[in-house]
Amino acid sequence: MKLRKKTTAAMIMALLCATLASGCGQTKIGYIDGERVSKEAPQISSLVEEGNQKIQEAQTQAGEDLQKKMQENPNMSQEDLQKAQMDAQRKIQGLNQSYSLQLRQKMDVALAAVSKEKKLDAVVNNSADQPVAITGAMDVTDEVIAQLQ
């Protein structure tokens, strides 16, 4: 009889502990539609437009500079020509990286604010081409767009 009471008490305690533990440590996850944020958030769309314009201008300028160098020095070696092209490409890549970094920083600030407000542990990108299915995750796309007004 004593063994039965101890076993029953142990089972009740285990069940009670499992019930309490199940409520602790739940992770709250959010998701955003990054493409929608890019299109609808004014800060992001204006930065994208500005970046595209600056990169286009840099490409045009690089092409003009290269043609000018070729006209000034028609006997330019193939190696010098390739070096000039590589310099122009590096300049354009630097510009592209600069704008990409600015975009990432703006998104990170907005995501951090929304995550803190909603008490989220993680936020994942849920796009049409790479959908992420997380049961119980919260869509915070609208909040991020509002943060980037």
N, C-alpha and C. Protein backbone atom coordinates (compact mmCIF):
# COMPACT_ATOMS: atom_id res chain seq x y z
N MET A 1 0.81 -1.19 0.00
CA MET A 1 0.00 0.00 0.00
C MET A 1 0.86 1.26 0.00
N LYS A 2 1.93 1.25 0.80
CA LYS A 2 2.82 2.40 0.85
C LYS A 2 3.45 2.65 -0.51
N LEU A 3 3.84 1.57 -1.19
CA LEU A 3 4.47 1.69 -2.50
C LEU A 3 3.50 2.31 -3.50
N ARG A 4 2.25 1.92 -3.42
CA ARG A 4 1.24 2.46 -4.33
C ARG A 4 1.05 3.95 -4.09
N LYS A 5 1.02 4.40 -2.85
CA LYS A 5 0.87 5.82 -2.54
C LYS A 5 2.08 6.60 -3.03
N LYS A 6 3.27 6.04 -2.82
CA LYS A 6 4.48 6.72 -3.28
C LYS A 6 4.50 6.82 -4.80
N THR A 7 4.12 5.76 -5.47
CA THR A 7 4.09 5.76 -6.94
C THR A 7 3.07 6.76 -7.45
N THR A 8 1.90 6.78 -6.83
CA THR A 8 0.86 7.72 -7.23
C THR A 8 1.32 9.15 -6.99
N ALA A 9 1.94 9.39 -5.84
CA ALA A 9 2.43 10.73 -5.52
C ALA A 9 3.52 11.14 -6.51
N ALA A 10 4.40 10.21 -6.86
CA ALA A 10 5.47 10.51 -7.82
C ALA A 10 4.89 10.83 -9.20
N MET A 11 3.87 10.08 -9.59
CA MET A 11 3.24 10.33 -10.90
C MET A 11 2.54 11.68 -10.91
N ILE A 12 1.87 12.02 -9.82
CA ILE A 12 1.20 13.32 -9.73
C ILE A 12 2.23 14.44 -9.78
N MET A 13 3.33 14.28 -9.06
CA MET A 13 4.39 15.29 -9.06
C MET A 13 5.00 15.44 -10.47
N ALA A 14 5.22 14.32 -11.14
CA ALA A 14 5.79 14.36 -12.49
C ALA A 14 4.83 15.07 -13.45
N LEU A 15 3.54 14.75 -13.32
CA LEU A 15 2.53 15.39 -14.16
C LEU A 15 2.45 16.88 -13.88
N LEU A 16 2.52 17.26 -12.61
CA LEU A 16 2.49 18.66 -12.22
C LEU A 16 3.71 19.40 -12.75
N CYS A 17 4.88 18.79 -12.62
CA CYS A 17 6.12 19.40 -13.14
C CYS A 17 6.05 19.56 -14.65
N ALA A 18 5.54 18.54 -15.34
CA ALA A 18 5.44 18.61 -16.80
C ALA A 18 4.48 19.72 -17.22
N THR A 19 3.39 19.87 -16.47
CA THR A 19 2.41 20.92 -16.78
C THR A 19 3.03 22.30 -16.59
N LEU A 20 3.74 22.48 -15.49
CA LEU A 20 4.38 23.76 -15.23
C LEU A 20 5.49 24.05 -16.24
N ALA A 21 6.28 23.04 -16.57
CA ALA A 21 7.39 23.23 -17.49
C ALA A 21 6.92 23.53 -18.90
N SER A 22 5.75 23.00 -19.26
CA SER A 22 5.28 23.23 -20.63
C SER A 22 4.95 24.70 -20.88
N GLY A 23 4.59 25.43 -19.85
CA GLY A 23 4.28 26.85 -20.01
C GLY A 23 5.52 27.73 -19.98
N CYS A 24 6.60 27.22 -19.46
CA CYS A 24 7.83 28.01 -19.35
C CYS A 24 8.65 27.90 -20.62
N GLY A 25 9.32 28.97 -20.95
CA GLY A 25 10.27 28.94 -22.04
C GLY A 25 9.67 28.84 -23.42
N GLN A 26 8.45 29.26 -23.60
CA GLN A 26 7.89 29.23 -24.94
C GLN A 26 8.52 30.33 -25.77
N THR A 27 8.90 30.00 -26.96
CA THR A 27 9.53 30.94 -27.87
C THR A 27 8.46 31.61 -28.72
N LYS A 28 8.54 32.92 -28.80
CA LYS A 28 7.62 33.67 -29.65
C LYS A 28 8.36 34.06 -30.91
N ILE A 29 7.83 33.66 -32.04
CA ILE A 29 8.48 33.90 -33.33
C ILE A 29 7.57 34.75 -34.20
N GLY A 30 8.17 35.70 -34.88
CA GLY A 30 7.45 36.53 -35.83
C GLY A 30 8.00 36.32 -37.23
N TYR A 31 7.26 36.75 -38.22
CA TYR A 31 7.77 36.68 -39.59
C TYR A 31 7.36 37.94 -40.34
N ILE A 32 8.17 38.28 -41.34
CA ILE A 32 7.86 39.43 -42.19
C ILE A 32 7.94 39.01 -43.65
N ASP A 33 7.26 39.74 -44.48
CA ASP A 33 7.36 39.59 -45.93
C ASP A 33 8.32 40.69 -46.39
N GLY A 34 9.57 40.33 -46.57
CA GLY A 34 10.61 41.30 -46.91
C GLY A 34 10.34 42.03 -48.21
N GLU A 35 9.77 41.34 -49.19
CA GLU A 35 9.46 41.98 -50.47
C GLU A 35 8.42 43.07 -50.29
N ARG A 36 7.42 42.77 -49.49
CA ARG A 36 6.36 43.76 -49.25
C ARG A 36 6.90 44.97 -48.49
N VAL A 37 7.78 44.73 -47.54
CA VAL A 37 8.40 45.84 -46.80
C VAL A 37 9.20 46.70 -47.77
N SER A 38 9.95 46.08 -48.68
CA SER A 38 10.75 46.83 -49.65
C SER A 38 9.89 47.72 -50.53
N LYS A 39 8.71 47.23 -50.89
CA LYS A 39 7.84 47.98 -51.79
C LYS A 39 7.03 49.05 -51.06
N GLU A 40 6.57 48.74 -49.84
CA GLU A 40 5.61 49.61 -49.18
C GLU A 40 6.21 50.57 -48.14
N ALA A 41 7.40 50.29 -47.64
CA ALA A 41 8.00 51.16 -46.63
C ALA A 41 8.70 52.33 -47.32
N PRO A 42 8.27 53.56 -47.05
CA PRO A 42 8.84 54.73 -47.75
C PRO A 42 10.35 54.88 -47.57
N GLN A 43 10.85 54.65 -46.37
CA GLN A 43 12.29 54.80 -46.15
C GLN A 43 13.09 53.82 -46.99
N ILE A 44 12.61 52.61 -47.09
CA ILE A 44 13.31 51.57 -47.85
C ILE A 44 13.21 51.83 -49.34
N SER A 45 12.00 52.12 -49.83
CA SER A 45 11.83 52.33 -51.28
C SER A 45 12.61 53.55 -51.75
N SER A 46 12.66 54.62 -50.95
CA SER A 46 13.42 55.80 -51.37
C SER A 46 14.92 55.51 -51.37
N LEU A 47 15.39 54.72 -50.41
CA LEU A 47 16.81 54.36 -50.38
C LEU A 47 17.16 53.46 -51.56
N VAL A 48 16.26 52.55 -51.92
CA VAL A 48 16.50 51.68 -53.08
C VAL A 48 16.56 52.52 -54.36
N GLU A 49 15.62 53.45 -54.52
CA GLU A 49 15.63 54.32 -55.70
C GLU A 49 16.90 55.15 -55.77
N GLU A 50 17.29 55.73 -54.64
CA GLU A 50 18.51 56.54 -54.60
C GLU A 50 19.73 55.69 -54.94
N GLY A 51 19.80 54.49 -54.37
CA GLY A 51 20.92 53.60 -54.65
C GLY A 51 20.99 53.20 -56.11
N ASN A 52 19.84 52.85 -56.68
CA ASN A 52 19.81 52.49 -58.10
C ASN A 52 20.25 53.64 -58.99
N GLN A 53 19.81 54.85 -58.64
CA GLN A 53 20.18 56.04 -59.42
C GLN A 53 21.69 56.29 -59.33
N LYS A 54 22.26 56.21 -58.12
CA LYS A 54 23.70 56.45 -57.94
C LYS A 54 24.52 55.39 -58.66
N ILE A 55 24.08 54.15 -58.61
CA ILE A 55 24.80 53.07 -59.28
C ILE A 55 24.74 53.26 -60.79
N GLN A 56 23.57 53.65 -61.30
CA GLN A 56 23.42 53.91 -62.73
C GLN A 56 24.35 55.05 -63.16
N GLU A 57 24.39 56.12 -62.35
CA GLU A 57 25.28 57.24 -62.66
C GLU A 57 26.74 56.80 -62.65
N ALA A 58 27.11 55.97 -61.69
CA ALA A 58 28.49 55.49 -61.60
C ALA A 58 28.84 54.62 -62.80
N GLN A 59 27.89 53.79 -63.25
CA GLN A 59 28.14 52.96 -64.43
C GLN A 59 28.32 53.81 -65.68
N THR A 60 27.46 54.82 -65.82
CA THR A 60 27.56 55.72 -66.97
C THR A 60 28.90 56.46 -66.94
N GLN A 61 29.27 56.98 -65.77
CA GLN A 61 30.52 57.71 -65.63
C GLN A 61 31.72 56.80 -65.91
N ALA A 62 31.66 55.56 -65.44
CA ALA A 62 32.75 54.62 -65.67
C ALA A 62 32.91 54.32 -67.16
N GLY A 63 31.78 54.16 -67.85
CA GLY A 63 31.84 53.92 -69.30
C GLY A 63 32.43 55.11 -70.04
N GLU A 64 32.03 56.32 -69.64
CA GLU A 64 32.57 57.53 -70.28
C GLU A 64 34.06 57.67 -70.00
N ASP A 65 34.47 57.41 -68.76
CA ASP A 65 35.89 57.51 -68.40
C ASP A 65 36.72 56.50 -69.18
N LEU A 66 36.19 55.31 -69.34
CA LEU A 66 36.91 54.27 -70.07
C LEU A 66 37.07 54.64 -71.54
N GLN A 67 36.01 55.18 -72.14
CA GLN A 67 36.10 55.61 -73.54
C GLN A 67 37.08 56.76 -73.69
N LYS A 68 37.07 57.67 -72.73
CA LYS A 68 37.99 58.81 -72.77
C LYS A 68 39.44 58.33 -72.70
N LYS A 69 39.71 57.36 -71.82
CA LYS A 69 41.06 56.81 -71.70
C LYS A 69 41.49 56.14 -73.00
N MET A 70 40.55 55.43 -73.63
CA MET A 70 40.88 54.74 -74.88
C MET A 70 41.14 55.74 -76.00
N GLN A 71 40.42 56.87 -76.01
CA GLN A 71 40.63 57.88 -77.04
C GLN A 71 41.95 58.61 -76.81
N GLU A 72 42.28 58.88 -75.55
CA GLU A 72 43.52 59.56 -75.24
C GLU A 72 44.73 58.68 -75.52
N ASN A 73 44.57 57.40 -75.33
CA ASN A 73 45.67 56.46 -75.52
C ASN A 73 45.18 55.29 -76.36
N PRO A 74 45.16 55.45 -77.69
CA PRO A 74 44.65 54.38 -78.56
C PRO A 74 45.51 53.11 -78.51
N ASN A 75 46.75 53.24 -78.09
CA ASN A 75 47.64 52.08 -78.02
C ASN A 75 47.65 51.44 -76.63
N MET A 76 46.59 51.67 -75.87
CA MET A 76 46.50 51.13 -74.51
C MET A 76 46.53 49.60 -74.57
N SER A 77 47.34 49.03 -73.70
CA SER A 77 47.45 47.57 -73.69
C SER A 77 46.17 46.94 -73.15
N GLN A 78 45.98 45.69 -73.48
CA GLN A 78 44.81 44.95 -73.01
C GLN A 78 44.81 44.87 -71.48
N GLU A 79 45.99 44.75 -70.92
CA GLU A 79 46.12 44.67 -69.46
C GLU A 79 45.67 45.96 -68.79
N ASP A 80 46.08 47.11 -69.33
CA ASP A 80 45.67 48.41 -68.77
C ASP A 80 44.16 48.61 -68.91
N LEU A 81 43.62 48.16 -70.03
CA LEU A 81 42.18 48.27 -70.26
C LEU A 81 41.40 47.44 -69.22
N GLN A 82 41.87 46.21 -69.00
CA GLN A 82 41.22 45.35 -68.01
C GLN A 82 41.35 45.93 -66.60
N LYS A 83 42.50 46.53 -66.32
CA LYS A 83 42.70 47.14 -65.00
C LYS A 83 41.73 48.30 -64.79
N ALA A 84 41.53 49.12 -65.82
CA ALA A 84 40.59 50.24 -65.73
C ALA A 84 39.16 49.73 -65.54
N GLN A 85 38.81 48.65 -66.26
CA GLN A 85 37.48 48.06 -66.11
C GLN A 85 37.27 47.50 -64.71
N MET A 86 38.29 46.85 -64.18
CA MET A 86 38.19 46.28 -62.83
C MET A 86 38.06 47.38 -61.78
N ASP A 87 38.77 48.48 -61.96
CA ASP A 87 38.66 49.61 -61.03
C ASP A 87 37.23 50.16 -61.02
N ALA A 88 36.66 50.29 -62.21
CA ALA A 88 35.29 50.80 -62.32
C ALA A 88 34.31 49.83 -61.65
N GLN A 89 34.50 48.54 -61.88
CA GLN A 89 33.62 47.54 -61.26
C GLN A 89 33.74 47.55 -59.74
N ARG A 90 34.96 47.72 -59.23
CA ARG A 90 35.15 47.79 -57.78
C ARG A 90 34.43 49.00 -57.18
N LYS A 91 34.50 50.12 -57.88
CA LYS A 91 33.83 51.33 -57.40
C LYS A 91 32.32 51.11 -57.34
N ILE A 92 31.77 50.50 -58.37
CA ILE A 92 30.32 50.24 -58.42
C ILE A 92 29.92 49.23 -57.35
N GLN A 93 30.74 48.19 -57.15
CA GLN A 93 30.45 47.21 -56.10
C GLN A 93 30.49 47.85 -54.72
N GLY A 94 31.43 48.76 -54.51
CA GLY A 94 31.51 49.47 -53.24
C GLY A 94 30.26 50.28 -52.98
N LEU A 95 29.77 50.95 -54.01
CA LEU A 95 28.53 51.73 -53.89
C LEU A 95 27.36 50.81 -53.56
N ASN A 96 27.29 49.69 -54.26
CA ASN A 96 26.22 48.72 -54.05
C ASN A 96 26.25 48.19 -52.61
N GLN A 97 27.43 47.85 -52.13
CA GLN A 97 27.56 47.35 -50.76
C GLN A 97 27.17 48.42 -49.74
N SER A 98 27.53 49.65 -50.03
CA SER A 98 27.20 50.75 -49.12
C SER A 98 25.69 50.90 -48.97
N TYR A 99 24.98 50.88 -50.09
CA TYR A 99 23.52 51.00 -50.03
C TYR A 99 22.87 49.76 -49.42
N SER A 100 23.43 48.59 -49.70
CA SER A 100 22.90 47.36 -49.10
C SER A 100 23.05 47.40 -47.58
N LEU A 101 24.18 47.91 -47.12
CA LEU A 101 24.41 48.02 -45.69
C LEU A 101 23.43 49.00 -45.05
N GLN A 102 23.19 50.11 -45.70
CA GLN A 102 22.23 51.09 -45.19
C GLN A 102 20.82 50.48 -45.10
N LEU A 103 20.44 49.73 -46.13
CA LEU A 103 19.13 49.05 -46.12
C LEU A 103 19.03 48.07 -44.95
N ARG A 104 20.07 47.27 -44.80
CA ARG A 104 20.09 46.27 -43.73
C ARG A 104 19.98 46.93 -42.36
N GLN A 105 20.71 48.04 -42.18
CA GLN A 105 20.68 48.73 -40.89
C GLN A 105 19.30 49.30 -40.59
N LYS A 106 18.66 49.90 -41.59
CA LYS A 106 17.31 50.44 -41.37
C LYS A 106 16.33 49.32 -41.03
N MET A 107 16.43 48.21 -41.74
CA MET A 107 15.55 47.07 -41.46
C MET A 107 15.81 46.50 -40.07
N ASP A 108 17.08 46.40 -39.69
CA ASP A 108 17.42 45.86 -38.38
C ASP A 108 16.88 46.73 -37.25
N VAL A 109 16.98 48.04 -37.40
CA VAL A 109 16.46 48.95 -36.37
C VAL A 109 14.95 48.78 -36.23
N ALA A 110 14.25 48.74 -37.36
CA ALA A 110 12.79 48.58 -37.33
C ALA A 110 12.40 47.22 -36.75
N LEU A 111 13.11 46.16 -37.16
CA LEU A 111 12.81 44.83 -36.64
C LEU A 111 13.08 44.74 -35.14
N ALA A 112 14.15 45.37 -34.70
CA ALA A 112 14.48 45.35 -33.27
C ALA A 112 13.38 46.05 -32.46
N ALA A 113 12.90 47.17 -32.96
CA ALA A 113 11.84 47.91 -32.26
C ALA A 113 10.55 47.08 -32.18
N VAL A 114 10.18 46.47 -33.30
CA VAL A 114 8.95 45.66 -33.33
C VAL A 114 9.13 44.41 -32.46
N SER A 115 10.29 43.78 -32.53
CA SER A 115 10.55 42.58 -31.73
C SER A 115 10.46 42.90 -30.24
N LYS A 116 11.02 44.03 -29.85
CA LYS A 116 10.97 44.42 -28.44
C LYS A 116 9.54 44.72 -28.00
N GLU A 117 8.81 45.44 -28.86
CA GLU A 117 7.43 45.80 -28.55
C GLU A 117 6.54 44.56 -28.42
N LYS A 118 6.71 43.62 -29.34
CA LYS A 118 5.87 42.41 -29.35
C LYS A 118 6.46 41.27 -28.50
N LYS A 119 7.65 41.51 -27.92
CA LYS A 119 8.35 40.52 -27.10
C LYS A 119 8.60 39.23 -27.89
N LEU A 120 9.16 39.39 -29.10
CA LEU A 120 9.47 38.25 -29.95
C LEU A 120 10.90 37.80 -29.71
N ASP A 121 11.12 36.49 -29.79
CA ASP A 121 12.46 35.95 -29.63
C ASP A 121 13.20 35.91 -30.97
N ALA A 122 12.47 35.77 -32.06
CA ALA A 122 13.08 35.70 -33.38
C ALA A 122 12.09 36.18 -34.43
N VAL A 123 12.64 36.71 -35.53
CA VAL A 123 11.82 37.12 -36.67
C VAL A 123 12.47 36.53 -37.91
N VAL A 124 11.68 35.84 -38.73
CA VAL A 124 12.20 35.23 -39.95
C VAL A 124 11.55 35.89 -41.16
N ASN A 125 12.24 35.79 -42.29
CA ASN A 125 11.72 36.33 -43.53
C ASN A 125 10.87 35.27 -44.22
N ASN A 126 9.65 35.61 -44.54
CA ASN A 126 8.73 34.69 -45.18
C ASN A 126 8.36 35.28 -46.53
N SER A 127 9.08 34.90 -47.57
CA SER A 127 8.82 35.46 -48.89
C SER A 127 8.08 34.44 -49.76
N ALA A 128 7.55 34.92 -50.88
CA ALA A 128 6.78 34.05 -51.77
C ALA A 128 7.64 32.95 -52.38
N ASP A 129 8.91 33.27 -52.71
CA ASP A 129 9.76 32.27 -53.34
C ASP A 129 10.39 31.31 -52.34
N GLN A 130 10.48 31.70 -51.07
CA GLN A 130 11.00 30.82 -50.02
C GLN A 130 10.11 30.91 -48.79
N PRO A 131 8.93 30.31 -48.85
CA PRO A 131 8.01 30.41 -47.71
C PRO A 131 8.52 29.63 -46.49
N VAL A 132 8.28 30.20 -45.34
CA VAL A 132 8.63 29.57 -44.07
C VAL A 132 7.33 29.31 -43.33
N ALA A 133 7.05 28.06 -43.06
CA ALA A 133 5.81 27.72 -42.37
C ALA A 133 6.12 27.46 -40.90
N ILE A 134 5.68 28.38 -40.05
CA ILE A 134 5.87 28.21 -38.61
C ILE A 134 4.51 28.37 -37.96
N THR A 135 4.04 27.30 -37.38
CA THR A 135 2.74 27.33 -36.73
C THR A 135 2.81 28.24 -35.51
N GLY A 136 1.87 29.14 -35.42
CA GLY A 136 1.81 30.03 -34.27
C GLY A 136 2.68 31.27 -34.38
N ALA A 137 3.38 31.43 -35.51
CA ALA A 137 4.22 32.62 -35.68
C ALA A 137 3.33 33.83 -35.97
N MET A 138 3.81 35.00 -35.62
CA MET A 138 3.04 36.24 -35.74
C MET A 138 3.56 37.05 -36.93
N ASP A 139 2.66 37.48 -37.81
CA ASP A 139 3.04 38.33 -38.94
C ASP A 139 3.24 39.76 -38.44
N VAL A 140 4.47 40.27 -38.58
CA VAL A 140 4.78 41.62 -38.11
C VAL A 140 5.14 42.55 -39.27
N THR A 141 4.77 42.16 -40.49
CA THR A 141 5.09 42.96 -41.67
C THR A 141 4.52 44.36 -41.57
N ASP A 142 3.25 44.47 -41.22
CA ASP A 142 2.60 45.79 -41.14
C ASP A 142 3.26 46.67 -40.08
N GLU A 143 3.65 46.08 -38.96
CA GLU A 143 4.29 46.85 -37.90
C GLU A 143 5.66 47.38 -38.35
N VAL A 144 6.41 46.55 -39.09
CA VAL A 144 7.72 46.97 -39.59
C VAL A 144 7.55 48.09 -40.61
N ILE A 145 6.56 47.97 -41.49
CA ILE A 145 6.29 49.02 -42.48
C ILE A 145 5.93 50.31 -41.76
N ALA A 146 5.10 50.21 -40.73
CA ALA A 146 4.72 51.41 -39.96
C ALA A 146 5.94 52.03 -39.28
N GLN A 147 6.86 51.21 -38.83
CA GLN A 147 8.08 51.70 -38.18
C GLN A 147 8.96 52.44 -39.18
N LEU A 148 8.87 52.07 -40.45
CA LEU A 148 9.71 52.67 -41.50
C LEU A 148 8.99 53.78 -42.26
N GLN A 149 8.00 54.42 -41.66
CA GLN A 149 7.28 55.52 -42.31
C GLN A 149 8.12 56.77 -42.30
